[in-house]
Amino acid sequence: MAAMEGVMSQDQSQQQVPAQPVVVERLNQAVVQQLNLEAVKTRAISLFKAISRILEDFDAYSRTNTTPKWQDILGQYSMVNLELFNIVDEIKKVSKAFVVHPKNVNAENATILPVMLSSKLLPEMEMDDNSKREQLLLGMQNLPVPSQIEKLRVT
């Protein structure tokens, strides 16, 4: 009887927990098309498949205790190299949308150029960023991870 009560209490506790809907964030379709992210994704999948085929081939070689032909290995690595080159080419196109470089330097933009071209925040900006991060994370360390994520989304 006591065992049955334990099972019932477990069932009730499982029913009381509401399922949280999974929210998938998506980029604006116009941005995706402009940045040609679909091409980058296609290239990455193609590279993954090429590497997977090589791994499968080497696994088959090891199982059958055979030696692969040097020409076949070079051909496979050549395909991986080509796929990697294509991904880098696509990423260069995507990165042009995010890279800032001045075409003309004049009195108006001369003061802001060092900030725009720097890869690190200025010390005062970094201190401000750190203080905002500390304020945001204050009191969140003891919360469970899902609660932390939810709190960050609300903020």
Protein backbone atom coordinates (compact mmCIF):
# COMPACT_ATOMS: atom_id res chain seq x y z
CA MET A 1 0.00 0.00 0.00
CA ALA A 2 2.80 2.40 0.91
CA ALA A 3 4.55 1.54 -2.35
CA MET A 4 1.37 2.36 -4.24
CA GLU A 5 1.12 5.75 -2.50
CA GLY A 6 4.70 6.50 -3.51
CA VAL A 7 3.86 5.75 -7.14
CA MET A 8 0.75 7.90 -6.97
CA SER A 9 2.61 10.84 -5.46
CA GLN A 10 5.26 10.59 -8.19
CA ASP A 11 2.54 10.58 -10.88
CA GLN A 12 0.86 13.61 -9.30
CA SER A 13 4.13 15.53 -9.05
CA GLN A 14 4.86 14.81 -12.70
CA GLN A 15 1.42 16.04 -13.73
CA GLN A 16 1.77 19.29 -11.75
CA VAL A 17 4.86 20.44 -13.67
CA PRO A 18 3.65 22.50 -16.65
CA ALA A 19 5.51 21.95 -19.89
CA GLN A 20 7.29 25.08 -21.04
CA PRO A 21 6.91 25.77 -24.75
CA VAL A 22 10.15 25.81 -26.68
CA VAL A 23 10.66 29.18 -28.32
CA VAL A 24 12.79 29.13 -31.44
CA GLU A 25 14.18 32.51 -32.41
CA ARG A 26 14.51 33.09 -36.12
CA LEU A 27 16.19 35.83 -38.08
CA ASN A 28 14.20 38.07 -40.34
CA GLN A 29 13.83 36.32 -43.70
CA ALA A 30 15.06 39.41 -45.58
CA VAL A 31 18.25 39.43 -43.48
CA VAL A 32 18.78 35.71 -44.12
CA GLN A 33 18.47 36.25 -47.86
CA GLN A 34 20.66 39.34 -47.86
CA LEU A 35 23.43 37.62 -45.92
CA ASN A 36 23.03 34.44 -47.97
CA LEU A 37 23.04 32.35 -44.79
CA GLU A 38 21.31 29.48 -46.56
CA ALA A 39 24.35 29.08 -48.83
CA VAL A 40 26.67 29.02 -45.81
CA LYS A 41 24.47 26.40 -44.16
CA THR A 42 24.43 24.29 -47.34
CA ARG A 43 28.23 24.49 -47.61
CA ALA A 44 28.64 23.52 -43.95
CA ILE A 45 26.36 20.50 -44.37
CA SER A 46 28.26 19.48 -47.48
CA LEU A 47 31.58 19.73 -45.60
CA PHE A 48 30.16 17.69 -42.73
CA LYS A 49 29.01 14.98 -45.15
CA ALA A 50 32.40 14.88 -46.88
CA ILE A 51 34.22 14.45 -43.57
CA SER A 52 31.70 11.82 -42.46
CA ARG A 53 32.32 9.83 -45.66
CA ILE A 54 36.07 9.89 -45.01
CA LEU A 55 35.55 8.68 -41.45
CA GLU A 56 33.24 5.90 -42.65
CA ASP A 57 35.79 4.85 -45.25
CA PHE A 58 38.58 4.72 -42.67
CA ASP A 59 36.32 2.74 -40.36
CA ALA A 60 35.65 0.26 -43.17
CA TYR A 61 39.39 0.01 -43.91
CA SER A 62 40.15 -0.73 -40.27
CA ARG A 63 37.43 -3.39 -40.04
CA THR A 64 38.54 -5.21 -43.16
CA ASN A 65 42.23 -4.69 -42.38
CA THR A 66 42.90 -3.28 -45.85
CA THR A 67 45.11 -0.45 -46.98
CA PRO A 68 43.45 2.42 -48.81
CA LYS A 69 44.77 3.65 -52.12
CA TRP A 70 46.77 6.85 -51.84
CA GLN A 71 44.98 8.37 -54.83
CA ASP A 72 41.56 7.81 -53.18
CA ILE A 73 42.69 9.47 -49.95
CA LEU A 74 44.08 12.48 -51.83
CA GLY A 75 40.84 12.79 -53.77
CA GLN A 76 38.76 12.76 -50.59
CA TYR A 77 40.94 15.34 -48.87
CA SER A 78 40.86 17.44 -52.00
CA MET A 79 37.05 17.47 -51.77
CA VAL A 80 37.19 18.52 -48.10
CA ASN A 81 39.64 21.28 -48.98
CA LEU A 82 37.35 22.50 -51.76
CA GLU A 83 34.32 22.50 -49.45
CA LEU A 84 36.26 24.39 -46.80
CA PHE A 85 37.42 26.93 -49.40
CA ASN A 86 33.79 27.42 -50.48
CA ILE A 87 32.66 27.99 -46.88
CA VAL A 88 35.38 30.57 -46.31
CA ASP A 89 34.33 32.30 -49.52
CA GLU A 90 30.67 32.40 -48.43
CA ILE A 91 31.60 33.63 -44.95
CA LYS A 92 33.65 36.45 -46.48
CA LYS A 93 30.49 37.57 -48.28
CA VAL A 94 28.50 37.40 -45.04
CA SER A 95 31.14 39.23 -43.01
CA LYS A 96 31.09 42.19 -45.40
CA ALA A 97 27.70 43.08 -43.91
CA PHE A 98 29.22 43.33 -40.44
CA VAL A 99 32.65 44.81 -41.12
CA VAL A 100 33.12 48.55 -40.67
CA HIS A 101 35.76 50.31 -42.69
CA PRO A 102 35.88 53.98 -43.50
CA LYS A 103 35.89 55.10 -47.10
CA ASN A 104 36.61 58.73 -46.30
CA VAL A 105 38.19 60.21 -43.19
CA ASN A 106 37.15 63.74 -42.39
CA ALA A 107 36.68 65.97 -39.36
CA GLU A 108 33.21 64.54 -38.68
CA ASN A 109 34.18 60.89 -38.38
CA ALA A 110 37.82 61.23 -37.29
CA THR A 111 36.95 61.21 -33.59
CA ILE A 112 34.80 58.06 -33.72
CA LEU A 113 37.04 56.05 -36.07
CA PRO A 114 39.32 54.60 -33.37
CA VAL A 115 36.27 53.27 -31.51
CA MET A 116 34.71 51.86 -34.67
CA LEU A 117 37.88 50.14 -35.79
CA SER A 118 38.96 48.80 -32.40
CA SER A 119 38.47 45.15 -31.59
CA LYS A 120 38.36 45.81 -27.85
CA LEU A 121 36.15 48.10 -25.82
CA LEU A 122 37.59 51.31 -24.43
CA PRO A 123 38.42 51.01 -20.70
CA GLU A 124 35.48 53.18 -19.64
CA MET A 125 33.12 51.22 -21.92
CA GLU A 126 34.47 47.94 -20.53
CA MET A 127 33.92 49.10 -16.93
CA ASP A 128 30.37 50.17 -17.79
CA ASP A 129 29.73 46.82 -19.51
CA ASN A 130 31.07 44.88 -16.51
CA SER A 131 28.95 46.85 -14.03
CA LYS A 132 25.80 46.28 -16.11
CA ARG A 133 26.61 42.56 -16.31
CA GLU A 134 27.08 42.36 -12.54
CA GLN A 135 23.77 44.15 -11.93
CA LEU A 136 22.00 41.82 -14.33
CA LEU A 137 23.44 38.66 -12.79
CA LEU A 138 23.03 39.83 -9.18
CA GLY A 139 21.02 37.24 -7.26
CA MET A 140 20.77 34.80 -10.15
CA GLN A 141 23.54 32.39 -9.17
CA ASN A 142 21.31 30.39 -6.81
CA LEU A 143 18.43 30.08 -9.28
CA PRO A 144 18.04 26.98 -11.48
CA VAL A 145 19.27 27.38 -15.05
CA PRO A 146 15.78 27.53 -16.67
CA SER A 147 14.82 30.34 -14.27
CA GLN A 148 18.04 32.20 -15.08
CA ILE A 149 17.33 31.93 -18.81
CA GLU A 150 13.75 33.13 -18.35
CA LYS A 151 14.89 36.06 -16.21
CA LEU A 152 17.49 37.06 -18.82
CA ARG A 153 14.86 36.93 -21.58
CA VAL A 154 12.56 39.23 -19.63
CA THR A 155 15.39 41.68 -19.01
